[in-house]
Amino acid sequence: MVTQPKTPSPKRPINDAWEKFRLMVIPDKASAVQIAEMQKAFYAGAAIHRSLLINGVSDEDEPTEADMALMERIDAELRESGLSFDIEMAQRLTSSLPPRS
């Protein structure tokens, strides 16, 4: 049975991405414990990424060379781990996010 994602909420973009991720990769027969543990890991990844960005980027209006280098290192590490999502999946996970102002 395929469940449809909940209606997107512009106030909860990580939850929206989680719901889409859950539907795309977690089997319907997964236990409640497996789903809960996956959700914890998903949110932990989001929290770590936020922390890396908050603590690692400059306060400048435009990205600096150091900011871009940090993003390149994060991208390279994800690619090396074999866990990075392809562009299509990333776009599908974030398609409900409101446009940046």
N, C-alpha and C. Protein backbone atom coordinates (compact mmCIF):
# COMPACT_ATOMS: atom_id res chain seq x y z
N MET A 1 0.83 -1.18 0.00
CA MET A 1 0.00 0.00 0.00
C MET A 1 0.88 1.24 0.00
N VAL A 2 0.73 2.09 -0.97
CA VAL A 2 1.52 3.31 -1.07
C VAL A 2 0.75 4.43 -0.40
N THR A 3 1.38 5.08 0.57
CA THR A 3 0.76 6.19 1.27
C THR A 3 1.18 7.48 0.61
N GLN A 4 0.28 8.42 0.54
CA GLN A 4 0.59 9.73 -0.03
C GLN A 4 1.21 10.62 1.03
N PRO A 5 2.13 11.52 0.64
CA PRO A 5 2.71 12.42 1.63
C PRO A 5 1.66 13.38 2.15
N LYS A 6 1.88 13.86 3.37
CA LYS A 6 0.97 14.84 3.96
C LYS A 6 1.09 16.15 3.18
N THR A 7 0.12 17.00 3.34
CA THR A 7 0.14 18.30 2.69
C THR A 7 1.36 19.08 3.16
N PRO A 8 2.16 19.63 2.24
CA PRO A 8 3.36 20.36 2.63
C PRO A 8 3.05 21.55 3.54
N SER A 9 3.96 21.80 4.45
CA SER A 9 3.83 22.93 5.36
C SER A 9 5.07 23.81 5.22
N PRO A 10 4.90 25.07 4.78
CA PRO A 10 6.08 25.93 4.64
C PRO A 10 6.80 26.17 5.95
N LYS A 11 6.13 25.90 7.07
CA LYS A 11 6.76 26.11 8.37
C LYS A 11 7.55 24.89 8.84
N ARG A 12 7.43 23.75 8.14
CA ARG A 12 8.11 22.53 8.55
C ARG A 12 8.79 21.86 7.36
N PRO A 13 9.76 22.53 6.75
CA PRO A 13 10.39 21.98 5.55
C PRO A 13 11.15 20.67 5.78
N ILE A 14 11.74 20.49 6.95
CA ILE A 14 12.47 19.25 7.21
C ILE A 14 11.47 18.10 7.34
N ASN A 15 10.36 18.35 8.02
CA ASN A 15 9.33 17.31 8.14
C ASN A 15 8.78 16.95 6.77
N ASP A 16 8.58 17.95 5.91
CA ASP A 16 8.09 17.67 4.56
C ASP A 16 9.07 16.77 3.81
N ALA A 17 10.36 17.10 3.91
CA ALA A 17 11.39 16.28 3.25
C ALA A 17 11.40 14.87 3.86
N TRP A 18 11.25 14.77 5.19
CA TRP A 18 11.21 13.46 5.85
C TRP A 18 10.05 12.62 5.31
N GLU A 19 8.87 13.22 5.22
CA GLU A 19 7.70 12.47 4.74
C GLU A 19 7.94 11.92 3.33
N LYS A 20 8.51 12.74 2.46
CA LYS A 20 8.79 12.27 1.10
C LYS A 20 9.87 11.18 1.11
N PHE A 21 10.92 11.39 1.90
CA PHE A 21 11.99 10.40 2.03
C PHE A 21 11.43 9.08 2.52
N ARG A 22 10.60 9.14 3.56
CA ARG A 22 10.01 7.93 4.14
C ARG A 22 9.24 7.15 3.08
N LEU A 23 8.44 7.85 2.30
CA LEU A 23 7.64 7.18 1.28
C LEU A 23 8.50 6.61 0.16
N MET A 24 9.62 7.26 -0.13
CA MET A 24 10.47 6.81 -1.23
C MET A 24 11.37 5.64 -0.85
N VAL A 25 11.83 5.57 0.41
CA VAL A 25 12.87 4.58 0.72
C VAL A 25 12.53 3.57 1.80
N ILE A 26 11.55 3.82 2.63
CA ILE A 26 11.24 2.88 3.71
C ILE A 26 10.13 1.94 3.26
N PRO A 27 10.38 0.64 3.32
CA PRO A 27 9.36 -0.33 2.89
C PRO A 27 8.09 -0.23 3.74
N ASP A 28 6.96 -0.50 3.12
CA ASP A 28 5.68 -0.47 3.84
C ASP A 28 5.68 -1.43 5.03
N LYS A 29 6.44 -2.52 4.93
CA LYS A 29 6.44 -3.52 6.01
C LYS A 29 7.40 -3.17 7.16
N ALA A 30 8.06 -2.02 7.08
CA ALA A 30 8.96 -1.61 8.16
C ALA A 30 8.18 -1.43 9.46
N SER A 31 8.82 -1.83 10.55
CA SER A 31 8.15 -1.70 11.86
C SER A 31 8.13 -0.24 12.32
N ALA A 32 7.29 0.04 13.28
CA ALA A 32 7.21 1.39 13.84
C ALA A 32 8.55 1.79 14.45
N VAL A 33 9.25 0.84 15.05
CA VAL A 33 10.57 1.13 15.64
C VAL A 33 11.56 1.49 14.54
N GLN A 34 11.56 0.74 13.45
CA GLN A 34 12.47 1.05 12.34
C GLN A 34 12.19 2.44 11.78
N ILE A 35 10.92 2.77 11.61
CA ILE A 35 10.56 4.08 11.08
C ILE A 35 10.99 5.18 12.04
N ALA A 36 10.75 4.99 13.33
CA ALA A 36 11.13 5.99 14.33
C ALA A 36 12.64 6.19 14.35
N GLU A 37 13.41 5.10 14.26
CA GLU A 37 14.87 5.21 14.27
C GLU A 37 15.38 5.89 13.00
N MET A 38 14.77 5.59 11.86
CA MET A 38 15.13 6.27 10.61
C MET A 38 14.84 7.76 10.71
N GLN A 39 13.71 8.12 11.32
CA GLN A 39 13.36 9.52 11.46
C GLN A 39 14.36 10.24 12.36
N LYS A 40 14.78 9.59 13.44
CA LYS A 40 15.80 10.19 14.31
C LYS A 40 17.08 10.44 13.53
N ALA A 41 17.50 9.46 12.74
CA ALA A 41 18.72 9.60 11.96
C ALA A 41 18.58 10.71 10.91
N PHE A 42 17.41 10.79 10.27
CA PHE A 42 17.16 11.83 9.27
C PHE A 42 17.27 13.22 9.91
N TYR A 43 16.60 13.41 11.04
CA TYR A 43 16.65 14.70 11.72
C TYR A 43 18.04 14.99 12.28
N ALA A 44 18.75 13.96 12.72
CA ALA A 44 20.12 14.17 13.21
C ALA A 44 21.00 14.69 12.07
N GLY A 45 20.84 14.13 10.89
CA GLY A 45 21.59 14.61 9.73
C GLY A 45 21.27 16.05 9.41
N ALA A 46 19.99 16.40 9.49
CA ALA A 46 19.58 17.78 9.23
C ALA A 46 20.18 18.72 10.28
N ALA A 47 20.17 18.30 11.53
CA ALA A 47 20.71 19.14 12.60
C ALA A 47 22.22 19.34 12.45
N ILE A 48 22.92 18.29 12.08
CA ILE A 48 24.36 18.41 11.88
C ILE A 48 24.66 19.32 10.70
N HIS A 49 23.92 19.18 9.64
CA HIS A 49 24.12 20.04 8.46
C HIS A 49 23.88 21.50 8.83
N ARG A 50 22.81 21.76 9.57
CA ARG A 50 22.53 23.14 10.02
C ARG A 50 23.68 23.67 10.86
N SER A 51 24.16 22.87 11.78
CA SER A 51 25.26 23.30 12.64
C SER A 51 26.52 23.59 11.83
N LEU A 52 26.83 22.73 10.86
CA LEU A 52 27.99 22.98 10.01
C LEU A 52 27.86 24.31 9.27
N LEU A 53 26.67 24.59 8.78
CA LEU A 53 26.48 25.83 8.04
C LEU A 53 26.50 27.05 8.96
N ILE A 54 25.79 26.97 10.08
CA ILE A 54 25.74 28.11 11.00
C ILE A 54 27.13 28.45 11.55
N ASN A 55 27.87 27.42 11.90
CA ASN A 55 29.18 27.64 12.51
C ASN A 55 30.30 27.79 11.48
N GLY A 56 30.02 27.44 10.23
CA GLY A 56 31.10 27.42 9.26
C GLY A 56 31.08 28.49 8.20
N VAL A 57 29.94 29.15 8.00
CA VAL A 57 29.88 30.16 6.95
C VAL A 57 30.03 31.56 7.51
N SER A 58 30.44 32.46 6.65
CA SER A 58 30.67 33.83 7.07
C SER A 58 29.35 34.58 7.24
N ASP A 59 29.44 35.76 7.82
CA ASP A 59 28.27 36.63 7.99
C ASP A 59 28.10 37.58 6.81
N GLU A 60 28.89 37.39 5.78
CA GLU A 60 28.82 38.27 4.60
C GLU A 60 27.49 38.09 3.87
N ASP A 61 27.09 39.12 3.12
CA ASP A 61 25.86 39.04 2.32
C ASP A 61 26.00 38.04 1.18
N GLU A 62 27.17 37.95 0.62
CA GLU A 62 27.44 37.03 -0.49
C GLU A 62 28.39 35.93 0.00
N PRO A 63 28.30 34.74 -0.59
CA PRO A 63 29.21 33.67 -0.19
C PRO A 63 30.67 34.05 -0.44
N THR A 64 31.51 33.71 0.50
CA THR A 64 32.94 33.95 0.36
C THR A 64 33.60 32.70 -0.22
N GLU A 65 34.87 32.82 -0.54
CA GLU A 65 35.61 31.64 -1.02
C GLU A 65 35.61 30.54 0.04
N ALA A 66 35.75 30.94 1.30
CA ALA A 66 35.74 29.96 2.38
C ALA A 66 34.37 29.27 2.49
N ASP A 67 33.30 30.05 2.30
CA ASP A 67 31.96 29.46 2.33
C ASP A 67 31.80 28.42 1.23
N MET A 68 32.24 28.78 0.05
CA MET A 68 32.13 27.86 -1.08
C MET A 68 33.01 26.63 -0.88
N ALA A 69 34.17 26.83 -0.27
CA ALA A 69 35.06 25.70 0.01
C ALA A 69 34.40 24.73 1.00
N LEU A 70 33.70 25.28 2.01
CA LEU A 70 32.99 24.42 2.96
C LEU A 70 31.92 23.60 2.24
N MET A 71 31.15 24.25 1.39
CA MET A 71 30.11 23.53 0.66
C MET A 71 30.71 22.45 -0.24
N GLU A 72 31.84 22.75 -0.86
CA GLU A 72 32.51 21.76 -1.71
C GLU A 72 33.01 20.58 -0.88
N ARG A 73 33.54 20.85 0.33
CA ARG A 73 34.00 19.77 1.19
C ARG A 73 32.84 18.88 1.65
N ILE A 74 31.71 19.52 1.99
CA ILE A 74 30.53 18.75 2.39
C ILE A 74 30.06 17.88 1.23
N ASP A 75 29.98 18.47 0.05
CA ASP A 75 29.56 17.72 -1.14
C ASP A 75 30.51 16.55 -1.41
N ALA A 76 31.81 16.82 -1.35
CA ALA A 76 32.79 15.77 -1.62
C ALA A 76 32.68 14.63 -0.60
N GLU A 77 32.49 14.98 0.66
CA GLU A 77 32.39 13.95 1.69
C GLU A 77 31.15 13.09 1.48
N LEU A 78 30.03 13.72 1.12
CA LEU A 78 28.82 12.95 0.86
C LEU A 78 29.02 12.02 -0.33
N ARG A 79 29.66 12.53 -1.38
CA ARG A 79 29.90 11.69 -2.55
C ARG A 79 30.83 10.52 -2.21
N GLU A 80 31.86 10.78 -1.40
CA GLU A 80 32.79 9.73 -1.01
C GLU A 80 32.10 8.65 -0.18
N SER A 81 31.11 9.05 0.62
CA SER A 81 30.43 8.09 1.48
C SER A 81 29.51 7.17 0.68
N GLY A 82 29.17 7.59 -0.53
CA GLY A 82 28.24 6.81 -1.34
C GLY A 82 26.80 7.01 -0.92
N LEU A 83 26.56 7.93 0.01
CA LEU A 83 25.22 8.14 0.52
C LEU A 83 24.54 9.37 -0.05
N SER A 84 25.23 10.08 -0.91
CA SER A 84 24.59 11.30 -1.42
C SER A 84 23.45 10.95 -2.35
N PHE A 85 22.47 11.78 -2.36
CA PHE A 85 21.33 11.58 -3.25
C PHE A 85 21.63 12.22 -4.58
N ASP A 86 21.06 11.67 -5.61
CA ASP A 86 21.22 12.31 -6.90
C ASP A 86 20.38 13.59 -6.93
N ILE A 87 20.62 14.41 -7.90
CA ILE A 87 19.94 15.70 -7.99
C ILE A 87 18.43 15.52 -8.07
N GLU A 88 17.99 14.54 -8.83
CA GLU A 88 16.54 14.33 -8.98
C GLU A 88 15.88 14.03 -7.64
N MET A 89 16.49 13.15 -6.83
CA MET A 89 15.89 12.83 -5.54
C MET A 89 15.91 14.05 -4.63
N ALA A 90 17.00 14.79 -4.61
CA ALA A 90 17.08 15.98 -3.77
C ALA A 90 16.00 16.99 -4.17
N GLN A 91 15.77 17.14 -5.45
CA GLN A 91 14.73 18.05 -5.92
C GLN A 91 13.36 17.55 -5.49
N ARG A 92 13.14 16.26 -5.55
CA ARG A 92 11.84 15.71 -5.14
C ARG A 92 11.62 15.90 -3.64
N LEU A 93 12.67 15.77 -2.85
CA LEU A 93 12.53 15.94 -1.40
C LEU A 93 12.27 17.39 -1.01
N THR A 94 12.77 18.32 -1.79
CA THR A 94 12.65 19.73 -1.43
C THR A 94 11.65 20.49 -2.29
N SER A 95 10.90 19.81 -3.13
CA SER A 95 10.00 20.50 -4.04
C SER A 95 8.89 21.26 -3.34
N SER A 96 8.58 20.92 -2.10
CA SER A 96 7.50 21.61 -1.40
C SER A 96 7.99 22.83 -0.63
N LEU A 97 9.28 23.07 -0.63
CA LEU A 97 9.80 24.20 0.12
C LEU A 97 9.40 25.50 -0.55
N PRO A 98 9.07 26.52 0.26
CA PRO A 98 8.73 27.80 -0.32
C PRO A 98 9.97 28.43 -0.95
N PRO A 99 9.81 29.27 -1.98
CA PRO A 99 10.97 29.89 -2.62
C PRO A 99 11.71 30.79 -1.64
N ARG A 100 13.02 30.85 -1.80
CA ARG A 100 13.85 31.74 -0.97
C ARG A 100 13.56 33.17 -1.33
N SER A 101 13.49 34.02 -0.31
CA SER A 101 13.24 35.45 -0.60
C SER A 101 14.53 36.23 -0.61
